[in-house]
């Protein structure tokens, strides 16, 4: 599922390249996706949830993709 999310974020990035302004609802959704994913992961980890080994890296990649959308540069 993470691969699909990352692909959707890449498509969103490409679709917004010509747009100098971002929609407020889109920004909120992207922000919540990036920040809340980290928050829920960390909260679960503190409670002893054994997350899949690569989940943290996947969450980090989502946050980077969101940052790329905000910055206008895919890195």
PDB file of N, CA and C in Angstrom:
ATOM      1  N   UNK A   1       0.816  -1.194   0.000  1.00  0.00           N
ATOM      2  CA  UNK A   1       0.000   0.000   0.000  1.00  0.00           C
ATOM      3  C   UNK A   1       0.862   1.262   0.000  1.00  0.00           C
ATOM      4  N   UNK A   2       2.015   1.181   0.651  1.00  0.00           N
ATOM      5  CA  UNK A   2       2.892   2.350   0.706  1.00  0.00           C
ATOM      6  C   UNK A   2       3.381   2.711  -0.691  1.00  0.00           C
ATOM      7  N   UNK A   3       3.655   1.718  -1.508  1.00  0.00           N
ATOM      8  CA  UNK A   3       4.087   1.988  -2.878  1.00  0.00           C
ATOM      9  C   UNK A   3       3.019   2.770  -3.624  1.00  0.00           C
ATOM     10  N   UNK A   4       1.763   2.429  -3.418  1.00  0.00           N
ATOM     11  CA  UNK A   4       0.660   3.159  -4.056  1.00  0.00           C
ATOM     12  C   UNK A   4       0.586   4.594  -3.553  1.00  0.00           C
ATOM     13  N   UNK A   5       0.795   4.789  -2.259  1.00  0.00           N
ATOM     14  CA  UNK A   5       0.782   6.142  -1.692  1.00  0.00           C
ATOM     15  C   UNK A   5       1.917   6.964  -2.290  1.00  0.00           C
ATOM     16  N   UNK A   6       3.109   6.384  -2.350  1.00  0.00           N
ATOM     17  CA  UNK A   6       4.256   7.103  -2.910  1.00  0.00           C
ATOM     18  C   UNK A   6       4.038   7.434  -4.386  1.00  0.00           C
ATOM     19  N   UNK A   7       3.457   6.507  -5.129  1.00  0.00           N
ATOM     20  CA  UNK A   7       3.153   6.770  -6.532  1.00  0.00           C
ATOM     21  C   UNK A   7       2.139   7.903  -6.657  1.00  0.00           C
ATOM     22  N   UNK A   8       1.118   7.896  -5.824  1.00  0.00           N
ATOM     23  CA  UNK A   8       0.116   8.968  -5.842  1.00  0.00           C
ATOM     24  C   UNK A   8       0.749  10.313  -5.497  1.00  0.00           C
ATOM     25  N   UNK A   9       1.681  10.315  -4.557  1.00  0.00           N
ATOM     26  CA  UNK A   9       2.364  11.562  -4.201  1.00  0.00           C
ATOM     27  C   UNK A   9       3.230  12.058  -5.356  1.00  0.00           C
ATOM     28  N   UNK A  10       3.885  11.149  -6.064  1.00  0.00           N
ATOM     29  CA  UNK A  10       4.698  11.534  -7.228  1.00  0.00           C
ATOM     30  C   UNK A  10       3.809  12.106  -8.328  1.00  0.00           C
ATOM     31  N   UNK A  11       2.664  11.492  -8.558  1.00  0.00           N
ATOM     32  CA  UNK A  11       1.722  11.994  -9.562  1.00  0.00           C
ATOM     33  C   UNK A  11       1.207  13.369  -9.153  1.00  0.00           C
ATOM     34  N   UNK A  12       0.915  13.536  -7.873  1.00  0.00           N
ATOM     35  CA  UNK A  12       0.473  14.836  -7.361  1.00  0.00           C
ATOM     36  C   UNK A  12       1.556  15.882  -7.580  1.00  0.00           C
ATOM     37  N   UNK A  13       2.797  15.529  -7.269  1.00  0.00           N
ATOM     38  CA  UNK A  13       3.924  16.440  -7.486  1.00  0.00           C
ATOM     39  C   UNK A  13       3.970  16.888  -8.945  1.00  0.00           C
ATOM     40  N   UNK A  14       3.908  15.936  -9.856  1.00  0.00           N
ATOM     41  CA  UNK A  14       3.988  16.255 -11.283  1.00  0.00           C
ATOM     42  C   UNK A  14       2.810  17.110 -11.738  1.00  0.00           C
ATOM     43  N   UNK A  15       1.627  16.829 -11.217  1.00  0.00           N
ATOM     44  CA  UNK A  15       0.438  17.584 -11.606  1.00  0.00           C
ATOM     45  C   UNK A  15       0.486  19.026 -11.112  1.00  0.00           C
ATOM     46  N   UNK A  16       1.208  19.265 -10.030  1.00  0.00           N
ATOM     47  CA  UNK A  16       1.249  20.604  -9.436  1.00  0.00           C
ATOM     48  C   UNK A  16       2.443  21.440  -9.893  1.00  0.00           C
ATOM     49  N   UNK A  17       3.275  20.909 -10.771  1.00  0.00           N
ATOM     50  CA  UNK A  17       4.484  21.625 -11.185  1.00  0.00           C
ATOM     51  C   UNK A  17       4.198  22.992 -11.793  1.00  0.00           C
ATOM     52  N   UNK A  18       3.132  23.127 -12.532  1.00  0.00           N
ATOM     53  CA  UNK A  18       2.809  24.397 -13.185  1.00  0.00           C
ATOM     54  C   UNK A  18       1.978  25.316 -12.294  1.00  0.00           C
ATOM     55  N   UNK A  19       1.602  24.839 -11.129  1.00  0.00           N
ATOM     56  CA  UNK A  19       0.725  25.590 -10.228  1.00  0.00           C
ATOM     57  C   UNK A  19       1.556  26.330  -9.182  1.00  0.00           C
ATOM     58  N   UNK A  20       1.548  27.662  -9.178  1.00  0.00           N
ATOM     59  CA  UNK A  20       2.344  28.395  -8.188  1.00  0.00           C
ATOM     60  C   UNK A  20       1.734  28.367  -6.782  1.00  0.00           C
ATOM     61  N   UNK A  21       0.447  28.062  -6.686  1.00  0.00           N
ATOM     62  CA  UNK A  21      -0.241  28.032  -5.395  1.00  0.00           C
ATOM     63  C   UNK A  21      -0.822  26.648  -5.138  1.00  0.00           C
ATOM     64  N   UNK A  22      -0.829  26.257  -3.877  1.00  0.00           N
ATOM     65  CA  UNK A  22      -1.416  24.974  -3.491  1.00  0.00           C
ATOM     66  C   UNK A  22      -2.723  25.220  -2.753  1.00  0.00           C
ATOM     67  N   UNK A  23      -3.697  24.381  -3.014  1.00  0.00           N
ATOM     68  CA  UNK A  23      -4.994  24.452  -2.362  1.00  0.00           C
ATOM     69  C   UNK A  23      -4.844  24.159  -0.866  1.00  0.00           C
ATOM     70  N   UNK A  24      -5.516  24.941  -0.052  1.00  0.00           N
ATOM     71  CA  UNK A  24      -5.417  24.798   1.404  1.00  0.00           C
ATOM     72  C   UNK A  24      -5.816  23.398   1.876  1.00  0.00           C
ATOM     73  N   UNK A  25      -6.882  22.833   1.324  1.00  0.00           N
ATOM     74  CA  UNK A  25      -7.317  21.487   1.727  1.00  0.00           C
ATOM     75  C   UNK A  25      -6.291  20.430   1.328  1.00  0.00           C
ATOM     76  N   UNK A  26      -5.683  20.596   0.165  1.00  0.00           N
ATOM     77  CA  UNK A  26      -4.638  19.671  -0.268  1.00  0.00           C
ATOM     78  C   UNK A  26      -3.444  19.746   0.677  1.00  0.00           C
ATOM     79  N   UNK A  27      -3.037  20.961   1.014  1.00  0.00           N
ATOM     80  CA  UNK A  27      -1.904  21.147   1.926  1.00  0.00           C
ATOM     81  C   UNK A  27      -2.196  20.504   3.275  1.00  0.00           C
ATOM     82  N   UNK A  28      -3.388  20.713   3.788  1.00  0.00           N
ATOM     83  CA  UNK A  28      -3.758  20.113   5.070  1.00  0.00           C
ATOM     84  C   UNK A  28      -3.708  18.590   4.986  1.00  0.00           C
ATOM     85  N   UNK A  29      -4.261  18.028   3.929  1.00  0.00           N
ATOM     86  CA  UNK A  29      -4.249  16.575   3.771  1.00  0.00           C
ATOM     87  C   UNK A  29      -2.839  16.010   3.686  1.00  0.00           C
ATOM     88  N   UNK A  30      -1.980  16.671   2.925  1.00  0.00           N
ATOM     89  CA  UNK A  30      -0.592  16.219   2.811  1.00  0.00           C
ATOM     90  C   UNK A  30       0.139  16.339   4.142  1.00  0.00           C
ATOM     91  N   UNK A  31      -0.083  17.460   4.814  1.00  0.00           N
ATOM     92  CA  UNK A  31       0.542  17.675   6.125  1.00  0.00           C
ATOM     93  C   UNK A  31       0.117  16.586   7.110  1.00  0.00           C
ATOM     94  N   UNK A  32      -1.185  16.326   7.169  1.00  0.00           N
ATOM     95  CA  UNK A  32      -1.687  15.306   8.092  1.00  0.00           C
ATOM     96  C   UNK A  32      -1.141  13.928   7.743  1.00  0.00           C
ATOM     97  N   UNK A  33      -1.060  13.617   6.464  1.00  0.00           N
ATOM     98  CA  UNK A  33      -0.503  12.329   6.048  1.00  0.00           C
ATOM     99  C   UNK A  33       0.924  12.176   6.560  1.00  0.00           C
ATOM    100  N   UNK A  34       1.735  13.204   6.369  1.00  0.00           N
ATOM    101  CA  UNK A  34       3.145  13.129   6.763  1.00  0.00           C
ATOM    102  C   UNK A  34       3.314  13.142   8.278  1.00  0.00           C
ATOM    103  N   UNK A  35       2.692  14.093   8.949  1.00  0.00           N
ATOM    104  CA  UNK A  35       2.916  14.282  10.385  1.00  0.00           C
ATOM    105  C   UNK A  35       2.195  13.226  11.213  1.00  0.00           C
ATOM    106  N   UNK A  36       0.949  12.977  10.909  1.00  0.00           N
ATOM    107  CA  UNK A  36       0.195  12.020  11.719  1.00  0.00           C
ATOM    108  C   UNK A  36       0.720  10.597  11.553  1.00  0.00           C
ATOM    109  N   UNK A  37       1.245  10.266  10.387  1.00  0.00           N
ATOM    110  CA  UNK A  37       1.843   8.936  10.212  1.00  0.00           C
ATOM    111  C   UNK A  37       2.985   8.738  11.194  1.00  0.00           C
ATOM    112  N   UNK A  38       3.839   9.746  11.302  1.00  0.00           N
ATOM    113  CA  UNK A  38       4.961   9.681  12.248  1.00  0.00           C
ATOM    114  C   UNK A  38       4.438   9.623  13.679  1.00  0.00           C
ATOM    115  N   UNK A  39       3.465  10.468  13.989  1.00  0.00           N
ATOM    116  CA  UNK A  39       2.927  10.512  15.357  1.00  0.00           C
ATOM    117  C   UNK A  39       2.317   9.176  15.771  1.00  0.00           C
ATOM    118  N   UNK A  40       1.518   8.577  14.893  1.00  0.00           N
ATOM    119  CA  UNK A  40       0.900   7.289  15.223  1.00  0.00           C
ATOM    120  C   UNK A  40       1.942   6.182  15.322  1.00  0.00           C
ATOM    121  N   UNK A  41       2.929   6.222  14.459  1.00  0.00           N
ATOM    122  CA  UNK A  41       4.000   5.228  14.515  1.00  0.00           C
ATOM    123  C   UNK A  41       4.721   5.319  15.856  1.00  0.00           C
ATOM    124  N   UNK A  42       5.112   6.527  16.240  1.00  0.00           N
ATOM    125  CA  UNK A  42       5.851   6.715  17.492  1.00  0.00           C
ATOM    126  C   UNK A  42       4.993   6.354  18.704  1.00  0.00           C
ATOM    127  N   UNK A  43       3.725   6.729  18.691  1.00  0.00           N
ATOM    128  CA  UNK A  43       2.838   6.393  19.811  1.00  0.00           C
ATOM    129  C   UNK A  43       2.701   4.878  19.947  1.00  0.00           C
ATOM    130  N   UNK A  44       2.558   4.195  18.842  1.00  0.00           N
ATOM    131  CA  UNK A  44       2.465   2.738  18.880  1.00  0.00           C
ATOM    132  C   UNK A  44       3.748   2.095  19.362  1.00  0.00           C
ATOM    133  N   UNK A  45       4.863   2.640  18.913  1.00  0.00           N
ATOM    134  CA  UNK A  45       6.162   2.103  19.333  1.00  0.00           C
ATOM    135  C   UNK A  45       6.343   2.250  20.845  1.00  0.00           C
ATOM    136  N   UNK A  46       5.926   3.408  21.379  1.00  0.00           N
ATOM    137  CA  UNK A  46       6.024   3.625  22.834  1.00  0.00           C
ATOM    138  C   UNK A  46       5.137   2.656  23.613  1.00  0.00           C
ATOM    139  N   UNK A  47       4.045   2.225  22.995  1.00  0.00           N
ATOM    140  CA  UNK A  47       3.146   1.263  23.653  1.00  0.00           C
ATOM    141  C   UNK A  47       3.551  -0.183  23.409  1.00  0.00           C
ATOM    142  N   UNK A  48       4.643  -0.372  22.708  1.00  0.00           N
ATOM    143  CA  UNK A  48       5.154  -1.718  22.521  1.00  0.00           C
ATOM    144  C   UNK A  48       4.677  -2.441  21.282  1.00  0.00           C
ATOM    145  N   UNK A  49       4.057  -1.729  20.364  1.00  0.00           N
ATOM    146  CA  UNK A  49       3.609  -2.373  19.127  1.00  0.00           C
ATOM    147  C   UNK A  49       4.830  -2.740  18.289  1.00  0.00           C
ATOM    148  N   UNK A  50       4.854  -3.956  17.810  1.00  0.00           N
ATOM    149  CA  UNK A  50       5.950  -4.429  16.962  1.00  0.00           C
ATOM    150  C   UNK A  50       5.582  -4.161  15.503  1.00  0.00           C
ATOM    151  N   UNK A  51       5.953  -2.988  15.017  1.00  0.00           N
ATOM    152  CA  UNK A  51       5.656  -2.620  13.640  1.00  0.00           C
ATOM    153  C   UNK A  51       6.528  -3.431  12.687  1.00  0.00           C
ATOM    154  N   UNK A  52       6.099  -3.583  11.438  1.00  0.00           N
ATOM    155  CA  UNK A  52       6.958  -4.236  10.444  1.00  0.00           C
ATOM    156  C   UNK A  52       8.299  -3.494  10.342  1.00  0.00           C
ATOM    157  N   UNK A  53       9.374  -4.211  10.088  1.00  0.00           N
ATOM    158  CA  UNK A  53      10.712  -3.614  10.124  1.00  0.00           C
ATOM    159  C   UNK A  53      10.914  -2.400   9.208  1.00  0.00           C
ATOM    160  N   UNK A  54      10.291  -2.381   8.056  1.00  0.00           N
ATOM    161  CA  UNK A  54      10.522  -1.292   7.103  1.00  0.00           C
ATOM    162  C   UNK A  54       9.497  -0.169   7.193  1.00  0.00           C
ATOM    163  N   UNK A  55       8.568  -0.251   8.130  1.00  0.00           N
ATOM    164  CA  UNK A  55       7.512   0.757   8.210  1.00  0.00           C
ATOM    165  C   UNK A  55       8.073   2.150   8.457  1.00  0.00           C
ATOM    166  N   UNK A  56       9.032   2.292   9.344  1.00  0.00           N
ATOM    167  CA  UNK A  56       9.607   3.614   9.642  1.00  0.00           C
ATOM    168  C   UNK A  56      10.224   4.218   8.387  1.00  0.00           C
ATOM    169  N   UNK A  57      10.934   3.418   7.618  1.00  0.00           N
ATOM    170  CA  UNK A  57      11.520   3.917   6.368  1.00  0.00           C
ATOM    171  C   UNK A  57      10.434   4.337   5.381  1.00  0.00           C
ATOM    172  N   UNK A  58       9.358   3.581   5.323  1.00  0.00           N
ATOM    173  CA  UNK A  58       8.240   3.934   4.442  1.00  0.00           C
ATOM    174  C   UNK A  58       7.619   5.262   4.864  1.00  0.00           C
ATOM    175  N   UNK A  59       7.428   5.446   6.151  1.00  0.00           N
ATOM    176  CA  UNK A  59       6.860   6.692   6.665  1.00  0.00           C
ATOM    177  C   UNK A  59       7.791   7.858   6.354  1.00  0.00           C
ATOM    178  N   UNK A  60       9.085   7.641   6.505  1.00  0.00           N
ATOM    179  CA  UNK A  60      10.061   8.686   6.171  1.00  0.00           C
ATOM    180  C   UNK A  60       9.993   9.040   4.689  1.00  0.00           C
ATOM    181  N   UNK A  61       9.830   8.040   3.827  1.00  0.00           N
ATOM    182  CA  UNK A  61       9.728   8.300   2.384  1.00  0.00           C
ATOM    183  C   UNK A  61       8.463   9.096   2.054  1.00  0.00           C
ATOM    184  N   UNK A  62       7.380   8.817   2.754  1.00  0.00           N
ATOM    185  CA  UNK A  62       6.149   9.591   2.555  1.00  0.00           C
ATOM    186  C   UNK A  62       6.385  11.044   2.951  1.00  0.00           C
ATOM    187  N   UNK A  63       7.026  11.270   4.092  1.00  0.00           N
ATOM    188  CA  UNK A  63       7.306  12.637   4.550  1.00  0.00           C
ATOM    189  C   UNK A  63       8.201  13.373   3.551  1.00  0.00           C
ATOM    190  N   UNK A  64       9.179  12.685   3.005  1.00  0.00           N
ATOM    191  CA  UNK A  64      10.066  13.304   2.011  1.00  0.00           C
ATOM    192  C   UNK A  64       9.284  13.659   0.749  1.00  0.00           C
ATOM    193  N   UNK A  65       8.395  12.783   0.319  1.00  0.00           N
ATOM    194  CA  UNK A  65       7.585  13.058  -0.871  1.00  0.00           C
ATOM    195  C   UNK A  65       6.697  14.275  -0.652  1.00  0.00           C
ATOM    196  N   UNK A  66       6.107  14.395   0.533  1.00  0.00           N
ATOM    197  CA  UNK A  66       5.275  15.564   0.844  1.00  0.00           C
ATOM    198  C   UNK A  66       6.136  16.824   0.835  1.00  0.00           C
ATOM    199  N   UNK A  67       7.312  16.754   1.435  1.00  0.00           N
ATOM    200  CA  UNK A  67       8.235  17.898   1.423  1.00  0.00           C
ATOM    201  C   UNK A  67       8.579  18.289  -0.011  1.00  0.00           C
ATOM    202  N   UNK A  68       8.798  17.304  -0.862  1.00  0.00           N
ATOM    203  CA  UNK A  68       9.102  17.582  -2.266  1.00  0.00           C
ATOM    204  C   UNK A  68       7.953  18.310  -2.953  1.00  0.00           C
ATOM    205  N   UNK A  69       6.727  17.924  -2.650  1.00  0.00           N
ATOM    206  CA  UNK A  69       5.564  18.609  -3.224  1.00  0.00           C
ATOM    207  C   UNK A  69       5.556  20.059  -2.772  1.00  0.00           C
ATOM    208  N   UNK A  70       5.800  20.294  -1.488  1.00  0.00           N
ATOM    209  CA  UNK A  70       5.805  21.661  -0.966  1.00  0.00           C
ATOM    210  C   UNK A  70       6.943  22.493  -1.561  1.00  0.00           C
ATOM    211  N   UNK A  71       8.100  21.883  -1.752  1.00  0.00           N
ATOM    212  CA  UNK A  71       9.266  22.633  -2.236  1.00  0.00           C
ATOM    213  C   UNK A  71       9.268  22.814  -3.753  1.00  0.00           C
ATOM    214  N   UNK A  72       8.559  21.934  -4.462  1.00  0.00           N
ATOM    215  CA  UNK A  72       8.548  22.008  -5.918  1.00  0.00           C
ATOM    216  C   UNK A  72       9.733  21.325  -6.568  1.00  0.00           C
ATOM    217  N   UNK A  73      10.539  20.609  -5.771  1.00  0.00           N
ATOM    218  CA  UNK A  73      11.697  19.883  -6.294  1.00  0.00           C
ATOM    219  C   UNK A  73      11.654  18.450  -5.795  1.00  0.00           C
ATOM    220  N   UNK A  74      11.687  17.494  -6.729  1.00  0.00           N
ATOM    221  CA  UNK A  74      11.674  16.083  -6.346  1.00  0.00           C
ATOM    222  C   UNK A  74      13.109  15.630  -6.113  1.00  0.00           C
ATOM    223  N   UNK A  75      13.374  15.144  -4.920  1.00  0.00           N
ATOM    224  CA  UNK A  75      14.748  14.732  -4.575  1.00  0.00           C
ATOM    225  C   UNK A  75      14.800  13.269  -4.267  1.00  0.00           C
TER     226      UNK A  75
END
